[in-house]
N, C-alpha and C. Protein backbone atom coordinates (compact mmCIF):
# COMPACT_ATOMS: atom_id res chain seq x y z
N MET A 1 -37.13 51.09 -35.09
CA MET A 1 -36.72 49.87 -35.80
C MET A 1 -35.21 49.91 -36.10
N ARG A 2 -34.72 51.08 -36.57
CA ARG A 2 -33.30 51.19 -36.87
C ARG A 2 -32.44 50.95 -35.63
N GLN A 3 -32.93 51.45 -34.46
CA GLN A 3 -32.19 51.25 -33.23
C GLN A 3 -32.12 49.76 -32.87
N ILE A 4 -33.21 49.05 -33.10
CA ILE A 4 -33.25 47.62 -32.80
C ILE A 4 -32.27 46.86 -33.69
N ILE A 5 -32.28 47.22 -35.00
CA ILE A 5 -31.36 46.57 -35.94
C ILE A 5 -29.91 46.85 -35.55
N HIS A 6 -29.63 48.12 -35.22
CA HIS A 6 -28.26 48.49 -34.84
C HIS A 6 -27.83 47.74 -33.59
N LYS A 7 -28.73 47.59 -32.62
CA LYS A 7 -28.42 46.88 -31.39
C LYS A 7 -28.16 45.41 -31.67
N THR A 8 -28.96 44.83 -32.59
CA THR A 8 -28.79 43.43 -32.94
C THR A 8 -27.43 43.19 -33.58
N ILE A 9 -27.05 44.06 -34.53
CA ILE A 9 -25.76 43.94 -35.19
C ILE A 9 -24.63 44.07 -34.18
N THR A 10 -24.76 45.01 -33.25
CA THR A 10 -23.73 45.20 -32.22
C THR A 10 -23.57 43.94 -31.39
N LEU A 11 -24.69 43.32 -31.01
CA LEU A 11 -24.64 42.09 -30.22
C LEU A 11 -23.99 40.96 -31.00
N LEU A 12 -24.26 40.90 -32.31
CA LEU A 12 -23.63 39.86 -33.14
C LEU A 12 -22.11 40.04 -33.17
N TRP A 13 -21.68 41.29 -33.32
CA TRP A 13 -20.23 41.55 -33.34
C TRP A 13 -19.59 41.19 -32.01
N ILE A 14 -20.27 41.50 -30.90
CA ILE A 14 -19.76 41.13 -29.58
C ILE A 14 -19.64 39.62 -29.47
N GLY A 15 -20.65 38.93 -29.99
CA GLY A 15 -20.62 37.47 -29.98
C GLY A 15 -19.45 36.92 -30.76
N MET A 16 -19.16 37.52 -31.93
CA MET A 16 -18.03 37.06 -32.73
C MET A 16 -16.71 37.31 -32.01
N LEU A 17 -16.58 38.48 -31.37
CA LEU A 17 -15.36 38.78 -30.65
C LEU A 17 -15.16 37.83 -29.49
N MET A 18 -16.24 37.48 -28.80
CA MET A 18 -16.16 36.51 -27.72
C MET A 18 -15.74 35.15 -28.27
N GLY A 19 -16.22 34.86 -29.48
CA GLY A 19 -15.84 33.60 -30.11
C GLY A 19 -14.34 33.54 -30.34
N TRP A 20 -13.76 34.66 -30.78
CA TRP A 20 -12.30 34.70 -30.98
C TRP A 20 -11.58 34.41 -29.68
N GLN A 21 -12.06 34.99 -28.58
CA GLN A 21 -11.40 34.82 -27.31
C GLN A 21 -11.52 33.38 -26.81
N GLN A 22 -12.56 32.65 -27.20
CA GLN A 22 -12.79 31.31 -26.71
C GLN A 22 -12.16 30.24 -27.60
N GLY A 23 -11.48 30.62 -28.68
CA GLY A 23 -10.77 29.62 -29.47
C GLY A 23 -11.13 29.64 -30.93
N GLY A 24 -11.95 30.57 -31.38
CA GLY A 24 -12.25 30.65 -32.80
C GLY A 24 -13.66 31.11 -33.04
N PRO A 25 -13.87 32.07 -33.94
CA PRO A 25 -15.21 32.57 -34.21
C PRO A 25 -16.06 31.50 -34.86
N GLY A 26 -17.31 31.47 -34.49
CA GLY A 26 -18.22 30.52 -35.13
C GLY A 26 -18.27 29.15 -34.47
N TRP A 27 -17.43 28.90 -33.49
CA TRP A 27 -17.44 27.61 -32.78
C TRP A 27 -17.99 27.84 -31.38
N THR A 28 -18.97 27.08 -31.00
CA THR A 28 -19.51 27.20 -29.66
C THR A 28 -18.60 26.47 -28.68
N ALA A 29 -18.75 26.80 -27.42
CA ALA A 29 -17.97 26.12 -26.38
C ALA A 29 -18.23 24.62 -26.40
N ALA A 30 -19.48 24.24 -26.66
CA ALA A 30 -19.83 22.82 -26.70
C ALA A 30 -19.14 22.11 -27.87
N GLU A 31 -19.05 22.78 -29.02
CA GLU A 31 -18.39 22.19 -30.19
C GLU A 31 -16.89 22.04 -29.95
N LEU A 32 -16.29 23.05 -29.35
CA LEU A 32 -14.86 22.98 -29.06
C LEU A 32 -14.56 21.86 -28.07
N GLN A 33 -15.47 21.67 -27.12
CA GLN A 33 -15.28 20.58 -26.16
C GLN A 33 -15.46 19.22 -26.82
N LEU A 34 -16.43 19.12 -27.72
CA LEU A 34 -16.66 17.87 -28.45
C LEU A 34 -15.42 17.48 -29.26
N ALA A 35 -14.78 18.48 -29.87
CA ALA A 35 -13.59 18.21 -30.69
C ALA A 35 -12.38 17.85 -29.85
N ASP A 36 -12.38 18.29 -28.60
CA ASP A 36 -11.21 18.12 -27.73
C ASP A 36 -11.22 16.74 -27.06
N THR A 37 -11.21 15.70 -27.87
CA THR A 37 -11.34 14.34 -27.35
C THR A 37 -10.11 13.88 -26.57
N ALA A 38 -8.98 14.55 -26.77
CA ALA A 38 -7.73 14.12 -26.14
C ALA A 38 -7.41 14.90 -24.86
N ARG A 39 -8.34 15.69 -24.38
CA ARG A 39 -8.02 16.58 -23.26
C ARG A 39 -7.59 15.82 -22.00
N GLU A 40 -8.05 14.59 -21.82
CA GLU A 40 -7.69 13.81 -20.63
C GLU A 40 -6.53 12.86 -20.87
N ALA A 41 -5.95 12.87 -22.08
CA ALA A 41 -4.85 11.95 -22.41
C ALA A 41 -3.55 12.51 -21.87
N ASP A 42 -3.15 12.05 -20.68
CA ASP A 42 -2.00 12.65 -20.01
C ASP A 42 -0.66 12.27 -20.65
N TYR A 43 -0.66 11.36 -21.60
CA TYR A 43 0.57 10.98 -22.29
C TYR A 43 0.88 11.90 -23.46
N LEU A 44 -0.04 12.79 -23.80
CA LEU A 44 0.15 13.72 -24.92
C LEU A 44 0.58 15.09 -24.41
N THR A 45 1.36 15.81 -25.21
CA THR A 45 1.68 17.19 -24.90
C THR A 45 0.49 18.07 -25.26
N ALA A 46 0.53 19.30 -24.81
CA ALA A 46 -0.55 20.24 -25.15
C ALA A 46 -0.66 20.43 -26.65
N GLY A 47 0.48 20.48 -27.34
CA GLY A 47 0.46 20.64 -28.79
C GLY A 47 -0.14 19.44 -29.50
N GLU A 48 0.17 18.26 -29.03
CA GLU A 48 -0.39 17.03 -29.64
C GLU A 48 -1.89 16.95 -29.43
N LYS A 49 -2.34 17.35 -28.24
CA LYS A 49 -3.79 17.39 -27.99
C LYS A 49 -4.47 18.39 -28.92
N GLU A 50 -3.82 19.53 -29.13
CA GLU A 50 -4.40 20.56 -29.99
C GLU A 50 -4.48 20.09 -31.44
N VAL A 51 -3.49 19.33 -31.91
CA VAL A 51 -3.55 18.79 -33.27
C VAL A 51 -4.79 17.91 -33.42
N ILE A 52 -5.05 17.05 -32.46
CA ILE A 52 -6.23 16.18 -32.53
C ILE A 52 -7.51 17.02 -32.52
N LYS A 53 -7.53 18.04 -31.70
CA LYS A 53 -8.70 18.92 -31.64
C LYS A 53 -8.96 19.59 -32.98
N LEU A 54 -7.91 20.09 -33.62
CA LEU A 54 -8.08 20.77 -34.91
C LEU A 54 -8.48 19.79 -36.01
N VAL A 55 -7.90 18.61 -36.01
CA VAL A 55 -8.33 17.58 -36.97
C VAL A 55 -9.82 17.31 -36.82
N ASN A 56 -10.29 17.21 -35.58
CA ASN A 56 -11.71 16.96 -35.35
C ASN A 56 -12.59 18.12 -35.80
N LEU A 57 -12.14 19.35 -35.58
CA LEU A 57 -12.92 20.50 -36.03
C LEU A 57 -13.04 20.52 -37.55
N ALA A 58 -11.95 20.19 -38.25
CA ALA A 58 -12.01 20.13 -39.72
C ALA A 58 -12.99 19.06 -40.17
N ARG A 59 -13.07 17.96 -39.43
CA ARG A 59 -14.00 16.88 -39.77
C ARG A 59 -15.45 17.27 -39.45
N MET A 60 -15.63 18.04 -38.41
CA MET A 60 -16.98 18.43 -38.00
C MET A 60 -17.62 19.42 -38.97
N ASP A 61 -16.82 20.37 -39.46
CA ASP A 61 -17.36 21.40 -40.35
C ASP A 61 -16.21 22.00 -41.15
N GLY A 62 -15.99 21.49 -42.35
CA GLY A 62 -14.84 21.89 -43.14
C GLY A 62 -14.83 23.36 -43.52
N LEU A 63 -15.97 23.88 -43.95
CA LEU A 63 -16.01 25.27 -44.39
C LEU A 63 -15.76 26.22 -43.23
N ARG A 64 -16.33 25.90 -42.06
CA ARG A 64 -16.09 26.75 -40.90
C ARG A 64 -14.61 26.70 -40.48
N TYR A 65 -14.00 25.53 -40.67
CA TYR A 65 -12.57 25.42 -40.36
C TYR A 65 -11.75 26.35 -41.27
N LEU A 66 -12.14 26.43 -42.55
CA LEU A 66 -11.45 27.34 -43.46
C LEU A 66 -11.51 28.78 -42.96
N TYR A 67 -12.67 29.18 -42.46
CA TYR A 67 -12.87 30.56 -42.04
C TYR A 67 -12.23 30.86 -40.70
N THR A 68 -11.78 29.85 -39.99
CA THR A 68 -11.23 30.09 -38.65
C THR A 68 -9.78 29.64 -38.58
N PHE A 69 -9.54 28.41 -38.18
CA PHE A 69 -8.18 27.98 -37.85
C PHE A 69 -7.28 27.85 -39.07
N TYR A 70 -7.82 27.59 -40.25
CA TYR A 70 -6.97 27.48 -41.42
C TYR A 70 -6.28 28.81 -41.73
N GLN A 71 -6.92 29.92 -41.32
CA GLN A 71 -6.33 31.23 -41.55
C GLN A 71 -4.98 31.38 -40.85
N ASP A 72 -4.80 30.67 -39.73
CA ASP A 72 -3.53 30.75 -39.01
C ASP A 72 -2.39 30.17 -39.83
N TYR A 73 -2.72 29.27 -40.76
CA TYR A 73 -1.68 28.65 -41.58
C TYR A 73 -1.47 29.42 -42.89
N ARG A 74 -2.54 29.65 -43.63
CA ARG A 74 -2.41 30.21 -44.97
C ARG A 74 -2.41 31.72 -44.99
N GLN A 75 -3.09 32.34 -44.02
CA GLN A 75 -3.22 33.80 -43.96
C GLN A 75 -3.72 34.34 -45.31
N MET A 76 -4.78 33.74 -45.78
CA MET A 76 -5.36 34.10 -47.07
C MET A 76 -6.88 34.18 -46.91
N PRO A 77 -7.51 35.27 -47.29
CA PRO A 77 -8.97 35.36 -47.19
C PRO A 77 -9.66 34.19 -47.89
N VAL A 78 -10.65 33.63 -47.25
CA VAL A 78 -11.32 32.46 -47.81
C VAL A 78 -11.92 32.77 -49.18
N GLU A 79 -12.39 33.99 -49.37
CA GLU A 79 -12.99 34.36 -50.65
C GLU A 79 -11.99 34.21 -51.80
N GLU A 80 -10.70 34.38 -51.51
CA GLU A 80 -9.68 34.26 -52.55
C GLU A 80 -9.34 32.81 -52.87
N MET A 81 -9.85 31.88 -52.06
CA MET A 81 -9.56 30.47 -52.30
C MET A 81 -10.41 29.88 -53.42
N LYS A 82 -11.43 30.61 -53.85
CA LYS A 82 -12.33 30.07 -54.88
C LYS A 82 -11.63 29.97 -56.22
N ASN A 83 -10.85 30.97 -56.57
CA ASN A 83 -10.19 30.99 -57.88
C ASN A 83 -8.75 31.48 -57.77
N PRO A 84 -7.92 30.81 -56.98
CA PRO A 84 -6.53 31.25 -56.86
C PRO A 84 -5.66 30.65 -57.96
N ASP A 85 -4.43 31.11 -58.04
CA ASP A 85 -3.49 30.51 -58.99
C ASP A 85 -3.10 29.10 -58.55
N ASN A 86 -3.15 28.85 -57.25
CA ASN A 86 -2.72 27.57 -56.69
C ASN A 86 -3.86 26.55 -56.76
N GLU A 87 -3.68 25.49 -57.52
CA GLU A 87 -4.73 24.49 -57.68
C GLU A 87 -5.02 23.74 -56.39
N TYR A 88 -4.02 23.63 -55.50
CA TYR A 88 -4.23 22.92 -54.24
C TYR A 88 -5.11 23.73 -53.30
N VAL A 89 -4.95 25.04 -53.31
CA VAL A 89 -5.81 25.91 -52.52
C VAL A 89 -7.25 25.80 -53.01
N ARG A 90 -7.42 25.83 -54.32
CA ARG A 90 -8.77 25.75 -54.89
C ARG A 90 -9.43 24.41 -54.56
N SER A 91 -8.68 23.32 -54.66
CA SER A 91 -9.27 22.01 -54.40
C SER A 91 -9.59 21.84 -52.92
N LEU A 92 -8.76 22.45 -52.04
CA LEU A 92 -9.06 22.38 -50.61
C LEU A 92 -10.35 23.12 -50.30
N TYR A 93 -10.50 24.29 -50.92
CA TYR A 93 -11.75 25.06 -50.74
C TYR A 93 -12.95 24.22 -51.16
N LEU A 94 -12.85 23.57 -52.30
CA LEU A 94 -13.97 22.77 -52.80
C LEU A 94 -14.21 21.54 -51.93
N ASP A 95 -13.13 20.90 -51.48
CA ASP A 95 -13.28 19.69 -50.68
C ASP A 95 -13.88 19.99 -49.31
N LEU A 96 -13.37 21.03 -48.64
CA LEU A 96 -13.85 21.31 -47.29
C LEU A 96 -15.28 21.82 -47.28
N GLN A 97 -15.73 22.38 -48.38
CA GLN A 97 -17.14 22.76 -48.46
C GLN A 97 -18.07 21.57 -48.31
N GLN A 98 -17.56 20.39 -48.69
CA GLN A 98 -18.39 19.18 -48.68
C GLN A 98 -18.35 18.45 -47.33
N VAL A 99 -17.46 18.89 -46.44
CA VAL A 99 -17.26 18.15 -45.19
C VAL A 99 -18.18 18.68 -44.10
N GLN A 100 -19.01 17.81 -43.58
CA GLN A 100 -19.95 18.21 -42.55
C GLN A 100 -20.31 16.98 -41.71
N GLY A 101 -20.05 17.06 -40.42
CA GLY A 101 -20.55 16.05 -39.51
C GLY A 101 -19.82 14.72 -39.52
N LEU A 102 -18.54 14.70 -39.93
CA LEU A 102 -17.79 13.45 -39.80
C LEU A 102 -17.55 13.17 -38.31
N PRO A 103 -17.52 11.91 -37.91
CA PRO A 103 -17.32 11.60 -36.49
C PRO A 103 -15.96 12.06 -36.00
N VAL A 104 -15.92 12.53 -34.76
CA VAL A 104 -14.65 12.95 -34.18
C VAL A 104 -13.79 11.71 -33.91
N LEU A 105 -12.47 11.91 -33.96
CA LEU A 105 -11.53 10.82 -33.73
C LEU A 105 -11.15 10.77 -32.25
N LEU A 106 -11.01 9.56 -31.75
CA LEU A 106 -10.64 9.36 -30.35
C LEU A 106 -9.15 9.10 -30.24
N PRO A 107 -8.50 9.63 -29.21
CA PRO A 107 -7.06 9.36 -29.04
C PRO A 107 -6.84 7.90 -28.65
N ASP A 108 -5.74 7.35 -29.11
CA ASP A 108 -5.44 5.94 -28.85
C ASP A 108 -3.96 5.84 -28.44
N LYS A 109 -3.71 5.28 -27.26
CA LYS A 109 -2.35 5.25 -26.74
C LYS A 109 -1.43 4.37 -27.56
N LYS A 110 -1.94 3.28 -28.10
CA LYS A 110 -1.10 2.41 -28.93
C LYS A 110 -0.71 3.12 -30.22
N LEU A 111 -1.65 3.83 -30.81
CA LEU A 111 -1.33 4.60 -32.01
C LEU A 111 -0.34 5.72 -31.68
N TYR A 112 -0.50 6.32 -30.50
CA TYR A 112 0.45 7.36 -30.09
C TYR A 112 1.86 6.78 -30.00
N ARG A 113 2.00 5.60 -29.42
CA ARG A 113 3.32 5.01 -29.28
C ARG A 113 3.94 4.72 -30.64
N ALA A 114 3.12 4.26 -31.58
CA ALA A 114 3.62 4.01 -32.93
C ALA A 114 4.05 5.32 -33.59
N ALA A 115 3.24 6.36 -33.42
CA ALA A 115 3.57 7.67 -34.00
C ALA A 115 4.82 8.26 -33.35
N ALA A 116 4.94 8.10 -32.02
CA ALA A 116 6.08 8.66 -31.31
C ALA A 116 7.38 7.96 -31.74
N TYR A 117 7.31 6.64 -31.92
CA TYR A 117 8.49 5.91 -32.38
C TYR A 117 8.95 6.44 -33.74
N HIS A 118 8.00 6.62 -34.65
CA HIS A 118 8.39 7.05 -36.00
C HIS A 118 8.86 8.50 -36.01
N ALA A 119 8.22 9.35 -35.21
CA ALA A 119 8.64 10.75 -35.15
C ALA A 119 10.05 10.87 -34.59
N ARG A 120 10.37 10.09 -33.57
CA ARG A 120 11.73 10.12 -33.02
C ARG A 120 12.73 9.54 -34.02
N ASP A 121 12.34 8.44 -34.66
CA ASP A 121 13.21 7.76 -35.61
C ASP A 121 13.56 8.68 -36.78
N MET A 122 12.55 9.30 -37.37
CA MET A 122 12.79 10.20 -38.49
C MET A 122 13.52 11.46 -38.02
N GLY A 123 13.17 11.94 -36.84
CA GLY A 123 13.80 13.15 -36.33
C GLY A 123 15.28 12.98 -36.08
N GLN A 124 15.65 11.87 -35.48
CA GLN A 124 17.06 11.63 -35.17
C GLN A 124 17.88 11.35 -36.43
N SER A 125 17.28 10.66 -37.40
CA SER A 125 18.01 10.31 -38.62
C SER A 125 17.98 11.42 -39.66
N GLY A 126 17.06 12.36 -39.51
CA GLY A 126 16.92 13.43 -40.49
C GLY A 126 16.22 13.00 -41.76
N ARG A 127 15.58 11.83 -41.71
CA ARG A 127 14.90 11.31 -42.90
C ARG A 127 13.44 11.74 -42.94
N ILE A 128 12.78 11.47 -44.06
CA ILE A 128 11.35 11.71 -44.21
C ILE A 128 10.71 10.45 -44.77
N GLY A 129 9.38 10.38 -44.70
CA GLY A 129 8.67 9.26 -45.30
C GLY A 129 8.08 8.33 -44.26
N HIS A 130 7.56 7.21 -44.76
CA HIS A 130 6.82 6.27 -43.91
C HIS A 130 7.59 4.99 -43.63
N THR A 131 8.81 4.89 -44.11
CA THR A 131 9.63 3.71 -43.86
C THR A 131 10.62 3.99 -42.75
N SER A 132 10.63 3.15 -41.74
CA SER A 132 11.53 3.33 -40.59
C SER A 132 12.98 3.07 -41.00
N THR A 133 13.90 3.50 -40.17
CA THR A 133 15.31 3.29 -40.48
C THR A 133 15.69 1.81 -40.44
N ASN A 134 14.87 0.99 -39.78
CA ASN A 134 15.13 -0.46 -39.77
C ASN A 134 14.51 -1.17 -40.97
N GLY A 135 13.92 -0.38 -41.89
CA GLY A 135 13.35 -0.96 -43.10
C GLY A 135 11.89 -1.31 -43.03
N GLN A 136 11.26 -1.19 -41.86
CA GLN A 136 9.84 -1.52 -41.75
C GLN A 136 8.99 -0.47 -42.45
N ASP A 137 7.97 -0.94 -43.18
CA ASP A 137 7.02 0.01 -43.75
C ASP A 137 5.95 0.33 -42.70
N MET A 138 5.02 1.20 -43.05
CA MET A 138 4.03 1.67 -42.08
C MET A 138 3.23 0.51 -41.49
N ALA A 139 2.75 -0.40 -42.33
CA ALA A 139 1.91 -1.50 -41.86
C ALA A 139 2.69 -2.41 -40.91
N GLU A 140 3.93 -2.71 -41.25
CA GLU A 140 4.75 -3.57 -40.39
C GLU A 140 4.99 -2.90 -39.04
N ARG A 141 5.27 -1.61 -39.09
CA ARG A 141 5.55 -0.88 -37.85
C ARG A 141 4.31 -0.81 -36.97
N LEU A 142 3.17 -0.45 -37.55
CA LEU A 142 1.95 -0.30 -36.76
C LEU A 142 1.47 -1.63 -36.20
N THR A 143 1.70 -2.70 -36.95
CA THR A 143 1.27 -4.01 -36.47
C THR A 143 2.03 -4.42 -35.21
N GLY A 144 3.18 -3.82 -34.99
CA GLY A 144 3.91 -4.07 -33.75
C GLY A 144 3.24 -3.46 -32.53
N TYR A 145 2.31 -2.53 -32.77
CA TYR A 145 1.62 -1.85 -31.67
C TYR A 145 0.15 -2.23 -31.58
N ILE A 146 -0.48 -2.44 -32.72
CA ILE A 146 -1.89 -2.86 -32.73
C ILE A 146 -2.00 -4.14 -33.56
N LYS A 147 -2.53 -5.18 -32.95
CA LYS A 147 -2.52 -6.49 -33.59
C LYS A 147 -3.65 -6.68 -34.60
N ARG A 148 -4.79 -6.06 -34.31
CA ARG A 148 -5.95 -6.23 -35.20
C ARG A 148 -6.45 -4.87 -35.62
N TRP A 149 -6.57 -4.68 -36.91
CA TRP A 149 -7.08 -3.41 -37.41
C TRP A 149 -7.81 -3.64 -38.73
N GLN A 150 -8.75 -2.77 -38.98
CA GLN A 150 -9.54 -2.83 -40.22
C GLN A 150 -8.98 -1.88 -41.27
N ARG A 151 -8.41 -0.77 -40.78
CA ARG A 151 -7.89 0.25 -41.69
C ARG A 151 -6.84 1.06 -40.95
N ILE A 152 -5.67 1.29 -41.57
CA ILE A 152 -4.65 2.14 -40.97
C ILE A 152 -4.10 3.09 -42.04
N THR A 153 -3.82 4.31 -41.65
CA THR A 153 -3.19 5.29 -42.53
C THR A 153 -2.26 6.15 -41.69
N GLU A 154 -1.42 6.93 -42.36
CA GLU A 154 -0.43 7.73 -41.64
C GLU A 154 -0.15 9.03 -42.38
N ASN A 155 0.01 10.10 -41.61
CA ASN A 155 0.44 11.39 -42.12
C ASN A 155 1.73 11.80 -41.46
N CYS A 156 2.62 12.43 -42.22
CA CYS A 156 3.86 12.98 -41.68
C CYS A 156 4.00 14.43 -42.12
N SER A 157 4.23 15.30 -41.17
CA SER A 157 4.40 16.73 -41.44
C SER A 157 5.81 17.14 -41.03
N TYR A 158 6.39 18.09 -41.77
CA TYR A 158 7.76 18.53 -41.49
C TYR A 158 7.84 20.05 -41.46
N GLY A 159 8.60 20.55 -40.50
CA GLY A 159 8.89 21.98 -40.47
C GLY A 159 8.08 22.80 -39.49
N TYR A 160 7.05 22.23 -38.90
CA TYR A 160 6.19 22.98 -37.99
C TYR A 160 6.01 22.24 -36.67
N ARG A 161 5.85 23.03 -35.60
CA ARG A 161 5.41 22.45 -34.33
C ARG A 161 4.10 23.09 -33.86
N GLN A 162 3.70 24.20 -34.53
CA GLN A 162 2.42 24.83 -34.18
C GLN A 162 1.27 23.98 -34.73
N PRO A 163 0.32 23.58 -33.89
CA PRO A 163 -0.75 22.68 -34.33
C PRO A 163 -1.52 23.16 -35.56
N ALA A 164 -1.90 24.45 -35.60
CA ALA A 164 -2.67 24.94 -36.74
C ALA A 164 -1.88 24.85 -38.04
N LYS A 165 -0.58 25.03 -37.96
CA LYS A 165 0.25 24.96 -39.17
C LYS A 165 0.48 23.51 -39.60
N ILE A 166 0.60 22.61 -38.64
CA ILE A 166 0.72 21.18 -38.97
C ILE A 166 -0.52 20.71 -39.71
N VAL A 167 -1.67 20.98 -39.14
CA VAL A 167 -2.93 20.52 -39.76
C VAL A 167 -3.16 21.26 -41.07
N GLY A 168 -2.84 22.54 -41.12
CA GLY A 168 -3.00 23.31 -42.36
C GLY A 168 -2.14 22.77 -43.48
N GLN A 169 -0.88 22.45 -43.17
CA GLN A 169 0.03 21.91 -44.17
C GLN A 169 -0.50 20.60 -44.74
N LEU A 170 -0.99 19.73 -43.88
CA LEU A 170 -1.46 18.41 -44.33
C LEU A 170 -2.79 18.50 -45.07
N LEU A 171 -3.64 19.43 -44.68
CA LEU A 171 -4.90 19.61 -45.41
C LEU A 171 -4.64 20.17 -46.80
N LEU A 172 -3.76 21.15 -46.91
CA LEU A 172 -3.45 21.71 -48.23
C LEU A 172 -2.79 20.67 -49.12
N ASP A 173 -1.83 19.94 -48.54
CA ASP A 173 -1.17 18.84 -49.26
C ASP A 173 -0.53 19.32 -50.57
N GLU A 174 0.09 20.47 -50.51
CA GLU A 174 0.68 21.06 -51.72
C GLU A 174 1.79 20.17 -52.28
N ASP A 175 1.77 20.01 -53.61
CA ASP A 175 2.74 19.19 -54.34
C ASP A 175 2.61 17.69 -54.04
N VAL A 176 1.45 17.29 -53.51
CA VAL A 176 1.14 15.87 -53.33
C VAL A 176 -0.08 15.57 -54.19
N PRO A 177 0.13 15.14 -55.43
CA PRO A 177 -0.99 14.97 -56.36
C PRO A 177 -2.11 14.07 -55.85
N SER A 178 -1.77 13.06 -55.05
CA SER A 178 -2.80 12.13 -54.55
C SER A 178 -3.66 12.75 -53.45
N LEU A 179 -3.19 13.86 -52.86
CA LEU A 179 -3.87 14.48 -51.72
C LEU A 179 -4.10 13.48 -50.59
N GLY A 180 -3.16 12.56 -50.44
CA GLY A 180 -3.33 11.49 -49.47
C GLY A 180 -3.44 11.95 -48.03
N HIS A 181 -2.68 12.99 -47.66
CA HIS A 181 -2.74 13.47 -46.27
C HIS A 181 -4.11 14.10 -45.98
N ARG A 182 -4.59 14.88 -46.92
CA ARG A 182 -5.92 15.49 -46.76
C ARG A 182 -6.99 14.41 -46.64
N LYS A 183 -6.90 13.41 -47.51
CA LYS A 183 -7.89 12.33 -47.49
C LYS A 183 -7.85 11.56 -46.18
N ASN A 184 -6.65 11.38 -45.62
CA ASN A 184 -6.55 10.67 -44.35
C ASN A 184 -7.24 11.43 -43.22
N ILE A 185 -7.04 12.75 -43.18
CA ILE A 185 -7.67 13.56 -42.14
C ILE A 185 -9.18 13.52 -42.26
N LEU A 186 -9.68 13.50 -43.48
CA LEU A 186 -11.13 13.57 -43.72
C LEU A 186 -11.74 12.21 -44.02
N ASP A 187 -11.04 11.16 -43.72
CA ASP A 187 -11.52 9.80 -43.97
C ASP A 187 -12.66 9.46 -43.02
N PRO A 188 -13.86 9.18 -43.54
CA PRO A 188 -14.99 8.88 -42.65
C PRO A 188 -14.90 7.52 -41.99
N GLN A 189 -13.99 6.67 -42.46
CA GLN A 189 -13.92 5.30 -41.94
C GLN A 189 -13.06 5.17 -40.69
N VAL A 190 -12.07 6.04 -40.51
CA VAL A 190 -11.20 5.90 -39.34
C VAL A 190 -11.90 6.43 -38.09
N THR A 191 -11.51 5.88 -36.95
CA THR A 191 -12.17 6.22 -35.69
C THR A 191 -11.20 6.67 -34.59
N HIS A 192 -9.91 6.32 -34.74
CA HIS A 192 -8.93 6.61 -33.69
C HIS A 192 -7.68 7.25 -34.28
N ILE A 193 -6.97 7.97 -33.44
CA ILE A 193 -5.79 8.70 -33.91
C ILE A 193 -4.71 8.72 -32.83
N GLY A 194 -3.46 8.69 -33.28
CA GLY A 194 -2.32 8.92 -32.41
C GLY A 194 -1.46 10.00 -33.03
N VAL A 195 -0.99 10.95 -32.23
CA VAL A 195 -0.22 12.09 -32.73
C VAL A 195 1.03 12.27 -31.89
N ALA A 196 2.15 12.48 -32.55
CA ALA A 196 3.41 12.77 -31.85
C ALA A 196 4.19 13.83 -32.60
N ILE A 197 4.71 14.80 -31.86
CA ILE A 197 5.55 15.85 -32.41
C ILE A 197 6.94 15.71 -31.79
N ALA A 198 7.98 15.72 -32.63
CA ALA A 198 9.35 15.54 -32.15
C ALA A 198 10.31 16.42 -32.93
N PRO A 199 11.45 16.72 -32.36
CA PRO A 199 12.47 17.48 -33.10
C PRO A 199 12.93 16.70 -34.33
N HIS A 200 13.40 17.43 -35.35
CA HIS A 200 13.88 16.79 -36.58
C HIS A 200 15.23 17.40 -36.96
N ALA A 201 16.19 16.53 -37.28
CA ALA A 201 17.56 16.98 -37.54
C ALA A 201 17.66 17.93 -38.72
N LYS A 202 16.78 17.78 -39.71
CA LYS A 202 16.85 18.61 -40.91
C LYS A 202 15.79 19.70 -40.94
N TYR A 203 14.57 19.38 -40.50
CA TYR A 203 13.44 20.30 -40.64
C TYR A 203 13.02 20.92 -39.30
N GLN A 204 13.82 20.76 -38.27
CA GLN A 204 13.56 21.28 -36.92
C GLN A 204 12.49 20.46 -36.19
N PHE A 205 11.33 20.26 -36.83
CA PHE A 205 10.27 19.50 -36.19
C PHE A 205 9.60 18.58 -37.20
N ASN A 206 9.05 17.48 -36.68
CA ASN A 206 8.18 16.64 -37.51
C ASN A 206 7.03 16.13 -36.64
N CYS A 207 5.91 15.92 -37.29
CA CYS A 207 4.72 15.41 -36.62
C CYS A 207 4.21 14.18 -37.36
N VAL A 208 3.92 13.14 -36.62
CA VAL A 208 3.36 11.92 -37.20
C VAL A 208 1.96 11.71 -36.66
N MET A 209 1.02 11.48 -37.57
CA MET A 209 -0.36 11.12 -37.22
C MET A 209 -0.61 9.70 -37.71
N ASP A 210 -1.02 8.83 -36.81
CA ASP A 210 -1.44 7.49 -37.22
C ASP A 210 -2.93 7.35 -36.98
N PHE A 211 -3.63 6.85 -38.01
CA PHE A 211 -5.09 6.69 -37.96
C PHE A 211 -5.45 5.21 -38.02
N CYS A 212 -6.57 4.87 -37.40
CA CYS A 212 -6.96 3.45 -37.39
C CYS A 212 -8.47 3.32 -37.26
N ALA A 213 -8.98 2.26 -37.88
CA ALA A 213 -10.34 1.78 -37.62
C ALA A 213 -10.19 0.36 -37.11
N TYR A 214 -10.66 0.12 -35.89
CA TYR A 214 -10.57 -1.22 -35.33
C TYR A 214 -11.76 -2.06 -35.79
N PRO A 215 -11.56 -3.36 -35.99
CA PRO A 215 -12.64 -4.20 -36.50
C PRO A 215 -13.75 -4.46 -35.49
N ASP A 216 -13.45 -4.30 -34.22
CA ASP A 216 -14.42 -4.65 -33.17
C ASP A 216 -14.89 -3.45 -32.38
N ARG A 217 -14.78 -2.25 -32.96
CA ARG A 217 -15.23 -1.06 -32.23
C ARG A 217 -16.19 -0.25 -33.08
């Protein structure tokens, strides 16, 4: 009996190690493929596709995301997130525990174009925020790309080009009392996403995520 138990444990460890090699422990190949909705979007870079994939994994299973890809950003054992000094870490731990089975987001070329415009605009000007250098707010800018929408939101990240760090930064949403970026990523109402990463004059890189729910889809 002991030999059987030992063999079973060994097989489990091998399975976990194989999971690491395939993109993250605890995620099956089928789940990773389900999250990778942008894999055929030839207008996106590999990094932009990966951002969409990670956003979808966080929506599919928040707690599992904490134990896997979030570690690349925070480098903090999940067990320490229960009662840390940082209130944002604690609230993220509590929030992601509740996330299970949200629908994956589909890439949208119009949203990508809107995100790419804003990422370039902010990057070249060295500015931050959701207002373009021409004075347009997010809704005005997005309406130039999508004429009919039921819901639109936007996230902006600064300082990172690595997908796991971009998504980690926005999920943590440190020093953002409204937690608006986290809420946008985990919003059950949105269905489509556009992502663009561009150089930034002040922060080296910036990433813009535009989210949308269309009224007729």
